[in-house]
Amino acid sequence: MLTLDPKTLPIQKLHQYLLGAIGPRPIAFASTIDAEGNTNLAPFSFFNVFSANPPIMIFSPARSGRTNETKDTYKNVKINPEVVINVVNYDIVHQMSLASSPYDPGVSEFEKAGFTPLASDLIRPMRVAESPVQFECKVNEVVELGTEGGAGNLIICEVVKIHIHDEVLDENGMIDQHKIDLVSRMGGNWYCRADKNSMFEIMKPITTCGIGFDQLPQDIKNSNLLTGNDLGHLAGIEEIPNETDVNEYKLIELSELFVSLENEPVKLEESLHQRAKDLLKENKLEEAWLTLLSFNN
């Protein structure tokens, strides 16, 4: 294992390690205005939402690791503490990337990247019409983390108005994670697209409590096929299926497998574990348990 002391690394190399490991990162496409009222638009992947009440987002335009220069966005919010955080989806990702070019102060990235500016309701910076969700924000505080190249500047924003395109909403008026088609940053030049092929669902144990890893039967823990992730999935069940349900499932769903391998117990157990693994991929937790428990019933 490679072990590193951050204090001994060149900033650029440390930056690459950090961004290569911490991802995917959401993108804050930040719209601000300078002292003369010129618009500025720039993306930042040091970004997330940190509170719902009050609604707080934080992004960080870091100092240049090469020149120690601060970003125009940082300078602008120090003068006019307002910002629109525009969400980036796949439809605008190349335009967003173009807007990150080092244009001179006063040059409009809206114009250079071909975006349509929309007037905000409560603040002065413009919104990006093409963005699926736009957050009008007041800047509550700017926290400088250092004075050397690579140091971040936390811009703490409070959302005062939200604009959402109708086409990304579901029938309940909520954002459909498949329709919004978000993108995020990885290391280097890489991005990640949150489409139906890359997303998967895990039910949050908010009101439920799984049995836990320690309650898994030893033969399941010792499986050569089930990974730690698989075992964690199994341990999330609230209650292990009872013997009656196991026998019924075995008779209906697994009878052919048991008949074909009745004289090959090792192969039978492997087949059951593989079947359970496949069921877990489909998020069929109870069926996976019924399959695994059938071996000893």
C-alpha atoms as a PDB file:
ATOM      1  CA  MET A   1       0.000   0.000   0.000  1.00  0.00           C
ATOM      2  CA  LEU A   2       1.257   3.453  -0.939  1.00  0.00           C
ATOM      3  CA  THR A   3       1.404   5.685   2.151  1.00  0.00           C
ATOM      4  CA  LEU A   4       1.952   9.414   1.731  1.00  0.00           C
ATOM      5  CA  ASP A   5       2.581  12.432   3.936  1.00  0.00           C
ATOM      6  CA  PRO A   6       0.657  15.389   2.402  1.00  0.00           C
ATOM      7  CA  LYS A   7       3.235  17.832   3.751  1.00  0.00           C
ATOM      8  CA  THR A   8       5.982  16.262   1.635  1.00  0.00           C
ATOM      9  CA  LEU A   9       4.072  16.266  -1.673  1.00  0.00           C
ATOM     10  CA  PRO A  10       4.133  18.998  -4.327  1.00  0.00           C
ATOM     11  CA  ILE A  11       0.763  20.772  -4.325  1.00  0.00           C
ATOM     12  CA  GLN A  12      -0.077  19.676  -7.856  1.00  0.00           C
ATOM     13  CA  LYS A  13       0.556  16.012  -7.041  1.00  0.00           C
ATOM     14  CA  LEU A  14      -1.388  16.229  -3.770  1.00  0.00           C
ATOM     15  CA  HIS A  15      -4.231  17.876  -5.693  1.00  0.00           C
ATOM     16  CA  GLN A  16      -4.284  14.955  -8.139  1.00  0.00           C
ATOM     17  CA  TYR A  17      -4.385  12.366  -5.347  1.00  0.00           C
ATOM     18  CA  LEU A  18      -7.227  14.180  -3.582  1.00  0.00           C
ATOM     19  CA  LEU A  19      -9.358  14.597  -6.697  1.00  0.00           C
ATOM     20  CA  GLY A  20      -8.573  11.098  -7.941  1.00  0.00           C
ATOM     21  CA  ALA A  21      -9.845   9.553  -4.710  1.00  0.00           C
ATOM     22  CA  ILE A  22     -12.708  11.871  -3.754  1.00  0.00           C
ATOM     23  CA  GLY A  23     -15.377  11.520  -6.392  1.00  0.00           C
ATOM     24  CA  PRO A  24     -17.694  11.740  -8.102  1.00  0.00           C
ATOM     25  CA  ARG A  25     -18.091  15.347  -7.011  1.00  0.00           C
ATOM     26  CA  PRO A  26     -21.182  17.471  -7.826  1.00  0.00           C
ATOM     27  CA  ILE A  27     -20.581  20.631  -9.809  1.00  0.00           C
ATOM     28  CA  ALA A  28     -21.558  24.140  -8.752  1.00  0.00           C
ATOM     29  CA  PHE A  29     -21.863  26.193 -11.922  1.00  0.00           C
ATOM     30  CA  ALA A  30     -21.614  29.565 -10.214  1.00  0.00           C
ATOM     31  CA  SER A  31     -22.883  32.813 -11.699  1.00  0.00           C
ATOM     32  CA  THR A  32     -21.651  36.062 -10.086  1.00  0.00           C
ATOM     33  CA  ILE A  33     -21.164  39.724 -11.018  1.00  0.00           C
ATOM     34  CA  ASP A  34     -18.166  42.004 -10.550  1.00  0.00           C
ATOM     35  CA  ALA A  35     -18.021  45.601  -9.302  1.00  0.00           C
ATOM     36  CA  GLU A  36     -18.937  46.940 -12.769  1.00  0.00           C
ATOM     37  CA  GLY A  37     -21.900  44.570 -13.123  1.00  0.00           C
ATOM     38  CA  ASN A  38     -20.169  42.204 -15.596  1.00  0.00           C
ATOM     39  CA  THR A  39     -21.325  38.591 -15.430  1.00  0.00           C
ATOM     40  CA  ASN A  40     -19.020  35.696 -14.585  1.00  0.00           C
ATOM     41  CA  LEU A  41     -19.762  32.003 -14.884  1.00  0.00           C
ATOM     42  CA  ALA A  42     -17.461  29.237 -13.617  1.00  0.00           C
ATOM     43  CA  PRO A  43     -17.754  25.595 -12.482  1.00  0.00           C
ATOM     44  CA  PHE A  44     -16.445  24.272  -9.150  1.00  0.00           C
ATOM     45  CA  SER A  45     -16.395  20.654  -8.008  1.00  0.00           C
ATOM     46  CA  PHE A  46     -15.458  21.425  -4.409  1.00  0.00           C
ATOM     47  CA  PHE A  47     -19.180  21.667  -3.683  1.00  0.00           C
ATOM     48  CA  ASN A  48     -22.122  20.172  -1.823  1.00  0.00           C
ATOM     49  CA  VAL A  49     -25.311  20.883   0.135  1.00  0.00           C
ATOM     50  CA  PHE A  50     -24.867  20.978   3.910  1.00  0.00           C
ATOM     51  CA  SER A  51     -28.209  21.941   5.447  1.00  0.00           C
ATOM     52  CA  ALA A  52     -31.914  21.963   4.606  1.00  0.00           C
ATOM     53  CA  ASN A  53     -33.063  24.263   7.401  1.00  0.00           C
ATOM     54  CA  PRO A  54     -31.707  26.769   6.595  1.00  0.00           C
ATOM     55  CA  PRO A  55     -30.888  25.593   3.026  1.00  0.00           C
ATOM     56  CA  ILE A  56     -27.112  25.955   2.873  1.00  0.00           C
ATOM     57  CA  MET A  57     -24.687  25.113   0.060  1.00  0.00           C
ATOM     58  CA  ILE A  58     -20.920  25.533   0.128  1.00  0.00           C
ATOM     59  CA  PHE A  59     -18.481  25.656  -2.766  1.00  0.00           C
ATOM     60  CA  SER A  60     -14.813  26.513  -2.841  1.00  0.00           C
ATOM     61  CA  PRO A  61     -12.910  28.418  -5.547  1.00  0.00           C
ATOM     62  CA  ALA A  62      -9.363  27.459  -4.589  1.00  0.00           C
ATOM     63  CA  ARG A  63      -6.266  29.555  -5.149  1.00  0.00           C
ATOM     64  CA  SER A  64      -4.228  28.511  -8.171  1.00  0.00           C
ATOM     65  CA  GLY A  65      -1.587  25.951  -7.223  1.00  0.00           C
ATOM     66  CA  ARG A  66       0.738  27.442  -9.835  1.00  0.00           C
ATOM     67  CA  THR A  67       0.257  31.199  -9.479  1.00  0.00           C
ATOM     68  CA  ASN A  68      -1.542  31.566  -6.132  1.00  0.00           C
ATOM     69  CA  GLU A  69      -4.109  33.746  -7.909  1.00  0.00           C
ATOM     70  CA  THR A  70      -7.688  33.770  -6.627  1.00  0.00           C
ATOM     71  CA  LYS A  71     -10.654  33.098  -8.908  1.00  0.00           C
ATOM     72  CA  ASP A  72     -12.875  35.858 -10.291  1.00  0.00           C
ATOM     73  CA  THR A  73     -15.821  34.153  -8.561  1.00  0.00           C
ATOM     74  CA  TYR A  74     -14.124  34.570  -5.171  1.00  0.00           C
ATOM     75  CA  LYS A  75     -13.355  38.222  -5.880  1.00  0.00           C
ATOM     76  CA  ASN A  76     -16.901  38.874  -7.069  1.00  0.00           C
ATOM     77  CA  VAL A  77     -18.716  37.453  -4.036  1.00  0.00           C
ATOM     78  CA  LYS A  78     -16.462  39.485  -1.762  1.00  0.00           C
ATOM     79  CA  ILE A  79     -17.832  42.599  -3.518  1.00  0.00           C
ATOM     80  CA  ASN A  80     -21.385  41.424  -4.270  1.00  0.00           C
ATOM     81  CA  PRO A  81     -22.295  38.583  -1.865  1.00  0.00           C
ATOM     82  CA  GLU A  82     -24.774  36.859  -4.163  1.00  0.00           C
ATOM     83  CA  VAL A  83     -24.480  33.842  -6.458  1.00  0.00           C
ATOM     84  CA  VAL A  84     -26.609  31.571  -8.605  1.00  0.00           C
ATOM     85  CA  ILE A  85     -25.604  27.917  -8.343  1.00  0.00           C
ATOM     86  CA  ASN A  86     -26.707  26.257 -11.568  1.00  0.00           C
ATOM     87  CA  VAL A  87     -26.895  22.469 -11.697  1.00  0.00           C
ATOM     88  CA  VAL A  88     -24.995  20.756 -14.523  1.00  0.00           C
ATOM     89  CA  ASN A  89     -26.473  17.857 -16.493  1.00  0.00           C
ATOM     90  CA  TYR A  90     -25.219  15.946 -19.517  1.00  0.00           C
ATOM     91  CA  ASP A  91     -26.937  18.253 -22.006  1.00  0.00           C
ATOM     92  CA  ILE A  92     -24.719  21.207 -21.035  1.00  0.00           C
ATOM     93  CA  VAL A  93     -21.498  19.529 -19.858  1.00  0.00           C
ATOM     94  CA  HIS A  94     -19.340  20.572 -22.824  1.00  0.00           C
ATOM     95  CA  GLN A  95     -20.567  24.158 -22.656  1.00  0.00           C
ATOM     96  CA  MET A  96     -19.878  24.132 -18.924  1.00  0.00           C
ATOM     97  CA  SER A  97     -16.327  22.922 -19.561  1.00  0.00           C
ATOM     98  CA  LEU A  98     -15.796  25.682 -22.112  1.00  0.00           C
ATOM     99  CA  ALA A  99     -16.899  28.245 -19.527  1.00  0.00           C
ATOM    100  CA  SER A 100     -14.017  27.117 -17.286  1.00  0.00           C
ATOM    101  CA  SER A 101     -11.502  28.521 -19.781  1.00  0.00           C
ATOM    102  CA  PRO A 102      -9.252  31.284 -18.330  1.00  0.00           C
ATOM    103  CA  TYR A 103     -10.980  34.209 -20.011  1.00  0.00           C
ATOM    104  CA  ASP A 104      -9.948  37.708 -18.936  1.00  0.00           C
ATOM    105  CA  PRO A 105     -11.965  39.454 -16.208  1.00  0.00           C
ATOM    106  CA  GLY A 106     -14.971  41.204 -17.717  1.00  0.00           C
ATOM    107  CA  VAL A 107     -15.394  38.630 -20.518  1.00  0.00           C
ATOM    108  CA  SER A 108     -18.840  36.996 -20.347  1.00  0.00           C
ATOM    109  CA  GLU A 109     -18.707  33.216 -20.123  1.00  0.00           C
ATOM    110  CA  PHE A 110     -22.420  33.245 -20.922  1.00  0.00           C
ATOM    111  CA  GLU A 111     -21.545  34.550 -24.375  1.00  0.00           C
ATOM    112  CA  LYS A 112     -18.370  32.484 -24.845  1.00  0.00           C
ATOM    113  CA  ALA A 113     -20.054  29.199 -23.877  1.00  0.00           C
ATOM    114  CA  GLY A 114     -23.354  29.942 -25.615  1.00  0.00           C
ATOM    115  CA  PHE A 115     -25.581  30.058 -22.546  1.00  0.00           C
ATOM    116  CA  THR A 116     -28.782  32.063 -22.217  1.00  0.00           C
ATOM    117  CA  PRO A 117     -28.795  34.453 -19.222  1.00  0.00           C
ATOM    118  CA  LEU A 118     -32.023  34.669 -17.229  1.00  0.00           C
ATOM    119  CA  ALA A 119     -32.768  37.398 -14.699  1.00  0.00           C
ATOM    120  CA  SER A 120     -33.008  36.168 -11.121  1.00  0.00           C
ATOM    121  CA  ASP A 121     -35.969  37.082  -8.921  1.00  0.00           C
ATOM    122  CA  LEU A 122     -34.200  38.118  -5.728  1.00  0.00           C
ATOM    123  CA  ILE A 123     -30.523  38.656  -6.540  1.00  0.00           C
ATOM    124  CA  ARG A 124     -28.459  40.383  -9.217  1.00  0.00           C
ATOM    125  CA  PRO A 125     -26.433  37.517 -10.822  1.00  0.00           C
ATOM    126  CA  MET A 126     -28.040  35.875 -13.844  1.00  0.00           C
ATOM    127  CA  ARG A 127     -29.278  32.307 -14.047  1.00  0.00           C
ATOM    128  CA  VAL A 128     -28.303  29.800 -16.758  1.00  0.00           C
ATOM    129  CA  ALA A 129     -31.519  29.101 -18.665  1.00  0.00           C
ATOM    130  CA  GLU A 130     -30.245  25.744 -19.915  1.00  0.00           C
ATOM    131  CA  SER A 131     -29.512  24.419 -16.404  1.00  0.00           C
ATOM    132  CA  PRO A 132     -32.226  22.033 -15.128  1.00  0.00           C
ATOM    133  CA  VAL A 133     -32.133  23.532 -11.603  1.00  0.00           C
ATOM    134  CA  GLN A 134     -31.004  27.008 -10.568  1.00  0.00           C
ATOM    135  CA  PHE A 135     -30.498  28.132  -6.964  1.00  0.00           C
ATOM    136  CA  GLU A 136     -30.519  31.840  -6.180  1.00  0.00           C
ATOM    137  CA  CYS A 137     -28.290  32.314  -3.136  1.00  0.00           C
ATOM    138  CA  LYS A 138     -27.169  34.963  -0.680  1.00  0.00           C
ATOM    139  CA  VAL A 139     -23.572  34.548   0.473  1.00  0.00           C
ATOM    140  CA  ASN A 140     -23.595  34.348   4.268  1.00  0.00           C
ATOM    141  CA  GLU A 141     -19.852  33.987   4.802  1.00  0.00           C
ATOM    142  CA  VAL A 142     -16.557  33.456   3.003  1.00  0.00           C
ATOM    143  CA  VAL A 143     -13.974  31.401   4.897  1.00  0.00           C
ATOM    144  CA  GLU A 144     -10.394  31.602   3.610  1.00  0.00           C
ATOM    145  CA  LEU A 145      -8.541  28.375   4.400  1.00  0.00           C
ATOM    146  CA  GLY A 146      -5.058  29.644   3.606  1.00  0.00           C
ATOM    147  CA  THR A 147      -2.945  32.117   1.706  1.00  0.00           C
ATOM    148  CA  GLU A 148      -0.774  29.760  -0.331  1.00  0.00           C
ATOM    149  CA  GLY A 149      -1.429  28.147  -3.725  1.00  0.00           C
ATOM    150  CA  GLY A 150      -4.048  25.400  -3.541  1.00  0.00           C
ATOM    151  CA  ALA A 151      -5.827  26.867  -0.500  1.00  0.00           C
ATOM    152  CA  GLY A 152      -9.601  26.814  -0.662  1.00  0.00           C
ATOM    153  CA  ASN A 153     -12.090  29.594   0.021  1.00  0.00           C
ATOM    154  CA  LEU A 154     -15.377  28.311   1.390  1.00  0.00           C
ATOM    155  CA  ILE A 155     -18.306  30.299   0.051  1.00  0.00           C
ATOM    156  CA  ILE A 156     -21.233  29.568   2.367  1.00  0.00           C
ATOM    157  CA  CYS A 157     -24.498  30.277   0.549  1.00  0.00           C
ATOM    158  CA  GLU A 158     -28.104  30.340   1.669  1.00  0.00           C
ATOM    159  CA  VAL A 159     -30.679  29.423  -0.968  1.00  0.00           C
ATOM    160  CA  VAL A 160     -33.400  32.059  -1.302  1.00  0.00           C
ATOM    161  CA  LYS A 161     -35.160  30.877  -4.474  1.00  0.00           C
ATOM    162  CA  ILE A 162     -35.199  27.626  -6.494  1.00  0.00           C
ATOM    163  CA  HIS A 163     -36.088  27.263 -10.185  1.00  0.00           C
ATOM    164  CA  ILE A 164     -36.674  23.767 -11.650  1.00  0.00           C
ATOM    165  CA  HIS A 165     -37.426  22.862 -15.262  1.00  0.00           C
ATOM    166  CA  ASP A 166     -40.697  20.974 -15.613  1.00  0.00           C
ATOM    167  CA  GLU A 167     -39.155  18.270 -17.797  1.00  0.00           C
ATOM    168  CA  VAL A 168     -37.055  16.878 -14.919  1.00  0.00           C
ATOM    169  CA  LEU A 169     -40.034  16.497 -12.564  1.00  0.00           C
ATOM    170  CA  ASP A 170     -41.948  13.283 -11.904  1.00  0.00           C
ATOM    171  CA  GLU A 171     -45.713  12.894 -11.517  1.00  0.00           C
ATOM    172  CA  ASN A 172     -45.460  14.024  -7.883  1.00  0.00           C
ATOM    173  CA  GLY A 173     -43.662  17.246  -8.728  1.00  0.00           C
ATOM    174  CA  MET A 174     -40.331  15.944  -7.383  1.00  0.00           C
ATOM    175  CA  ILE A 175     -37.032  15.710  -9.267  1.00  0.00           C
ATOM    176  CA  ASP A 176     -36.786  12.444 -11.196  1.00  0.00           C
ATOM    177  CA  GLN A 177     -33.210  11.160 -10.854  1.00  0.00           C
ATOM    178  CA  HIS A 178     -33.388   9.514 -14.267  1.00  0.00           C
ATOM    179  CA  LYS A 179     -34.723  12.574 -16.069  1.00  0.00           C
ATOM    180  CA  ILE A 180     -32.289  15.110 -14.632  1.00  0.00           C
ATOM    181  CA  ASP A 181     -29.245  13.207 -16.026  1.00  0.00           C
ATOM    182  CA  LEU A 182     -26.667  14.842 -13.743  1.00  0.00           C
ATOM    183  CA  VAL A 183     -22.906  14.824 -14.324  1.00  0.00           C
ATOM    184  CA  SER A 184     -20.099  15.031 -11.781  1.00  0.00           C
ATOM    185  CA  ARG A 185     -16.323  15.390 -11.710  1.00  0.00           C
ATOM    186  CA  MET A 186     -13.770  12.670 -11.241  1.00  0.00           C
ATOM    187  CA  GLY A 187      -9.980  12.952 -11.312  1.00  0.00           C
ATOM    188  CA  GLY A 188      -8.039  14.393 -14.237  1.00  0.00           C
ATOM    189  CA  ASN A 189     -10.222  15.037 -17.290  1.00  0.00           C
ATOM    190  CA  TRP A 190     -12.820  12.475 -16.263  1.00  0.00           C
ATOM    191  CA  TYR A 191     -16.512  13.024 -15.570  1.00  0.00           C
ATOM    192  CA  CYS A 192     -19.282  10.706 -14.422  1.00  0.00           C
ATOM    193  CA  ARG A 193     -22.834  10.563 -15.775  1.00  0.00           C
ATOM    194  CA  ALA A 194     -25.658   9.600 -13.422  1.00  0.00           C
ATOM    195  CA  ASP A 195     -27.914   7.864 -15.938  1.00  0.00           C
ATOM    196  CA  LYS A 196     -30.011   4.707 -15.607  1.00  0.00           C
ATOM    197  CA  ASN A 197     -26.995   2.526 -16.411  1.00  0.00           C
ATOM    198  CA  SER A 198     -24.875   3.870 -13.553  1.00  0.00           C
ATOM    199  CA  MET A 199     -27.468   4.435 -10.818  1.00  0.00           C
ATOM    200  CA  PHE A 200     -28.754   1.841  -8.379  1.00  0.00           C
ATOM    201  CA  GLU A 201     -31.107   2.046  -5.429  1.00  0.00           C
ATOM    202  CA  ILE A 202     -30.481   1.128  -1.791  1.00  0.00           C
ATOM    203  CA  MET A 203     -33.240   1.597   0.739  1.00  0.00           C
ATOM    204  CA  LYS A 204     -32.020   3.782   3.603  1.00  0.00           C
ATOM    205  CA  PRO A 205     -32.319   2.228   7.098  1.00  0.00           C
ATOM    206  CA  ILE A 206     -33.915   5.370   8.525  1.00  0.00           C
ATOM    207  CA  THR A 207     -36.724   3.713  10.494  1.00  0.00           C
ATOM    208  CA  THR A 208     -35.583   0.100  10.131  1.00  0.00           C
ATOM    209  CA  CYS A 209     -32.676  -1.708  11.764  1.00  0.00           C
ATOM    210  CA  GLY A 210     -30.903  -4.586  10.022  1.00  0.00           C
ATOM    211  CA  ILE A 211     -29.834  -7.703  11.915  1.00  0.00           C
ATOM    212  CA  GLY A 212     -26.179  -6.732  11.487  1.00  0.00           C
ATOM    213  CA  PHE A 213     -23.060  -8.468  10.217  1.00  0.00           C
ATOM    214  CA  ASP A 214     -22.521 -10.254  13.547  1.00  0.00           C
ATOM    215  CA  GLN A 215     -25.835 -12.122  13.196  1.00  0.00           C
ATOM    216  CA  LEU A 216     -25.031 -13.714   9.835  1.00  0.00           C
ATOM    217  CA  PRO A 217     -24.718 -17.530   9.891  1.00  0.00           C
ATOM    218  CA  GLN A 218     -21.083 -18.615   9.801  1.00  0.00           C
ATOM    219  CA  ASP A 219     -21.445 -20.661   6.596  1.00  0.00           C
ATOM    220  CA  ILE A 220     -22.692 -17.523   4.820  1.00  0.00           C
ATOM    221  CA  LYS A 221     -19.842 -15.423   6.227  1.00  0.00           C
ATOM    222  CA  ASN A 222     -17.361 -18.052   4.983  1.00  0.00           C
ATOM    223  CA  SER A 223     -18.711 -18.035   1.431  1.00  0.00           C
ATOM    224  CA  ASN A 224     -16.113 -17.998  -1.350  1.00  0.00           C
ATOM    225  CA  LEU A 225     -18.528 -16.168  -3.646  1.00  0.00           C
ATOM    226  CA  LEU A 226     -20.220 -13.560  -1.469  1.00  0.00           C
ATOM    227  CA  THR A 227     -18.223 -10.368  -1.017  1.00  0.00           C
ATOM    228  CA  GLY A 228     -18.192  -8.076   1.993  1.00  0.00           C
ATOM    229  CA  ASN A 229     -20.600  -5.838   0.106  1.00  0.00           C
ATOM    230  CA  ASP A 230     -22.934  -8.799  -0.453  1.00  0.00           C
ATOM    231  CA  LEU A 231     -22.767  -9.693   3.235  1.00  0.00           C
ATOM    232  CA  GLY A 232     -23.513  -6.099   4.175  1.00  0.00           C
ATOM    233  CA  HIS A 233     -26.567  -6.242   1.937  1.00  0.00           C
ATOM    234  CA  LEU A 234     -27.726  -9.465   3.591  1.00  0.00           C
ATOM    235  CA  ALA A 235     -27.130  -8.021   7.058  1.00  0.00           C
ATOM    236  CA  GLY A 236     -29.569  -5.204   6.251  1.00  0.00           C
ATOM    237  CA  ILE A 237     -32.612  -7.477   6.530  1.00  0.00           C
ATOM    238  CA  GLU A 238     -34.785  -6.790   9.576  1.00  0.00           C
ATOM    239  CA  GLU A 239     -35.659 -10.429  10.224  1.00  0.00           C
ATOM    240  CA  ILE A 240     -34.285 -13.699   8.871  1.00  0.00           C
ATOM    241  CA  PRO A 241     -36.971 -15.703   6.981  1.00  0.00           C
ATOM    242  CA  ASN A 242     -38.542 -18.540   8.984  1.00  0.00           C
ATOM    243  CA  GLU A 243     -38.157 -22.238   8.251  1.00  0.00           C
ATOM    244  CA  THR A 244     -41.654 -22.597   6.739  1.00  0.00           C
ATOM    245  CA  ASP A 245     -41.004 -19.865   4.179  1.00  0.00           C
ATOM    246  CA  VAL A 246     -37.603 -21.363   3.362  1.00  0.00           C
ATOM    247  CA  ASN A 247     -39.047 -24.827   2.726  1.00  0.00           C
ATOM    248  CA  GLU A 248     -41.848 -23.434   0.584  1.00  0.00           C
ATOM    249  CA  TYR A 249     -39.408 -21.395  -1.500  1.00  0.00           C
ATOM    250  CA  LYS A 250     -37.098 -24.412  -1.819  1.00  0.00           C
ATOM    251  CA  LEU A 251     -39.942 -26.591  -3.086  1.00  0.00           C
ATOM    252  CA  ILE A 252     -41.279 -24.076  -5.589  1.00  0.00           C
ATOM    253  CA  GLU A 253     -38.202 -22.205  -6.826  1.00  0.00           C
ATOM    254  CA  LEU A 254     -35.229 -24.476  -6.179  1.00  0.00           C
ATOM    255  CA  SER A 255     -36.464 -28.046  -6.577  1.00  0.00           C
ATOM    256  CA  GLU A 256     -34.830 -28.607  -9.982  1.00  0.00           C
ATOM    257  CA  LEU A 257     -31.462 -27.372  -8.713  1.00  0.00           C
ATOM    258  CA  PHE A 258     -31.602 -29.642  -5.645  1.00  0.00           C
ATOM    259  CA  VAL A 259     -32.577 -32.670  -7.756  1.00  0.00           C
ATOM    260  CA  SER A 260     -29.826 -32.115 -10.340  1.00  0.00           C
ATOM    261  CA  LEU A 261     -27.112 -31.688  -7.695  1.00  0.00           C
ATOM    262  CA  GLU A 262     -28.370 -33.934  -4.897  1.00  0.00           C
ATOM    263  CA  ASN A 263     -25.151 -35.975  -4.950  1.00  0.00           C
ATOM    264  CA  GLU A 264     -22.810 -32.967  -5.240  1.00  0.00           C
ATOM    265  CA  PRO A 265     -23.237 -30.948  -2.048  1.00  0.00           C
ATOM    266  CA  VAL A 266     -20.212 -28.698  -2.644  1.00  0.00           C
ATOM    267  CA  LYS A 267     -21.390 -27.751  -6.112  1.00  0.00           C
ATOM    268  CA  LEU A 268     -24.944 -27.323  -4.831  1.00  0.00           C
ATOM    269  CA  GLU A 269     -23.823 -24.878  -2.142  1.00  0.00           C
ATOM    270  CA  GLU A 270     -21.765 -22.915  -4.679  1.00  0.00           C
ATOM    271  CA  SER A 271     -24.734 -22.757  -7.050  1.00  0.00           C
ATOM    272  CA  LEU A 272     -27.017 -21.510  -4.291  1.00  0.00           C
ATOM    273  CA  HIS A 273     -24.505 -18.851  -3.260  1.00  0.00           C
ATOM    274  CA  GLN A 274     -24.127 -17.719  -6.868  1.00  0.00           C
ATOM    275  CA  ARG A 275     -27.898 -17.560  -7.261  1.00  0.00           C
ATOM    276  CA  ALA A 276     -28.153 -15.510  -4.065  1.00  0.00           C
ATOM    277  CA  LYS A 277     -25.426 -13.185  -5.309  1.00  0.00           C
ATOM    278  CA  ASP A 278     -27.346 -12.630  -8.547  1.00  0.00           C
ATOM    279  CA  LEU A 279     -30.552 -11.956  -6.604  1.00  0.00           C
ATOM    280  CA  LEU A 280     -28.776  -9.343  -4.498  1.00  0.00           C
ATOM    281  CA  LYS A 281     -27.740  -7.557  -7.701  1.00  0.00           C
ATOM    282  CA  GLU A 282     -31.449  -7.288  -8.481  1.00  0.00           C
ATOM    283  CA  ASN A 283     -32.079  -6.002  -4.940  1.00  0.00           C
ATOM    284  CA  LYS A 284     -34.122  -9.116  -4.095  1.00  0.00           C
ATOM    285  CA  LEU A 285     -32.951  -9.414  -0.530  1.00  0.00           C
ATOM    286  CA  GLU A 286     -35.564 -11.818   0.850  1.00  0.00           C
ATOM    287  CA  GLU A 287     -35.208 -14.203  -2.100  1.00  0.00           C
ATOM    288  CA  ALA A 288     -31.441 -14.223  -1.604  1.00  0.00           C
ATOM    289  CA  TRP A 289     -31.901 -15.192   2.042  1.00  0.00           C
ATOM    290  CA  LEU A 290     -34.419 -17.921   1.174  1.00  0.00           C
ATOM    291  CA  THR A 291     -31.960 -19.325  -1.342  1.00  0.00           C
ATOM    292  CA  LEU A 292     -29.027 -19.371   1.070  1.00  0.00           C
ATOM    293  CA  LEU A 293     -31.007 -20.869   3.967  1.00  0.00           C
ATOM    294  CA  SER A 294     -32.404 -23.650   1.776  1.00  0.00           C
ATOM    295  CA  PHE A 295     -29.057 -25.477   1.769  1.00  0.00           C
ATOM    296  CA  ASN A 296     -29.374 -26.587   5.378  1.00  0.00           C
ATOM    297  CA  ASN A 297     -33.153 -27.176   5.346  1.00  0.00           C
END
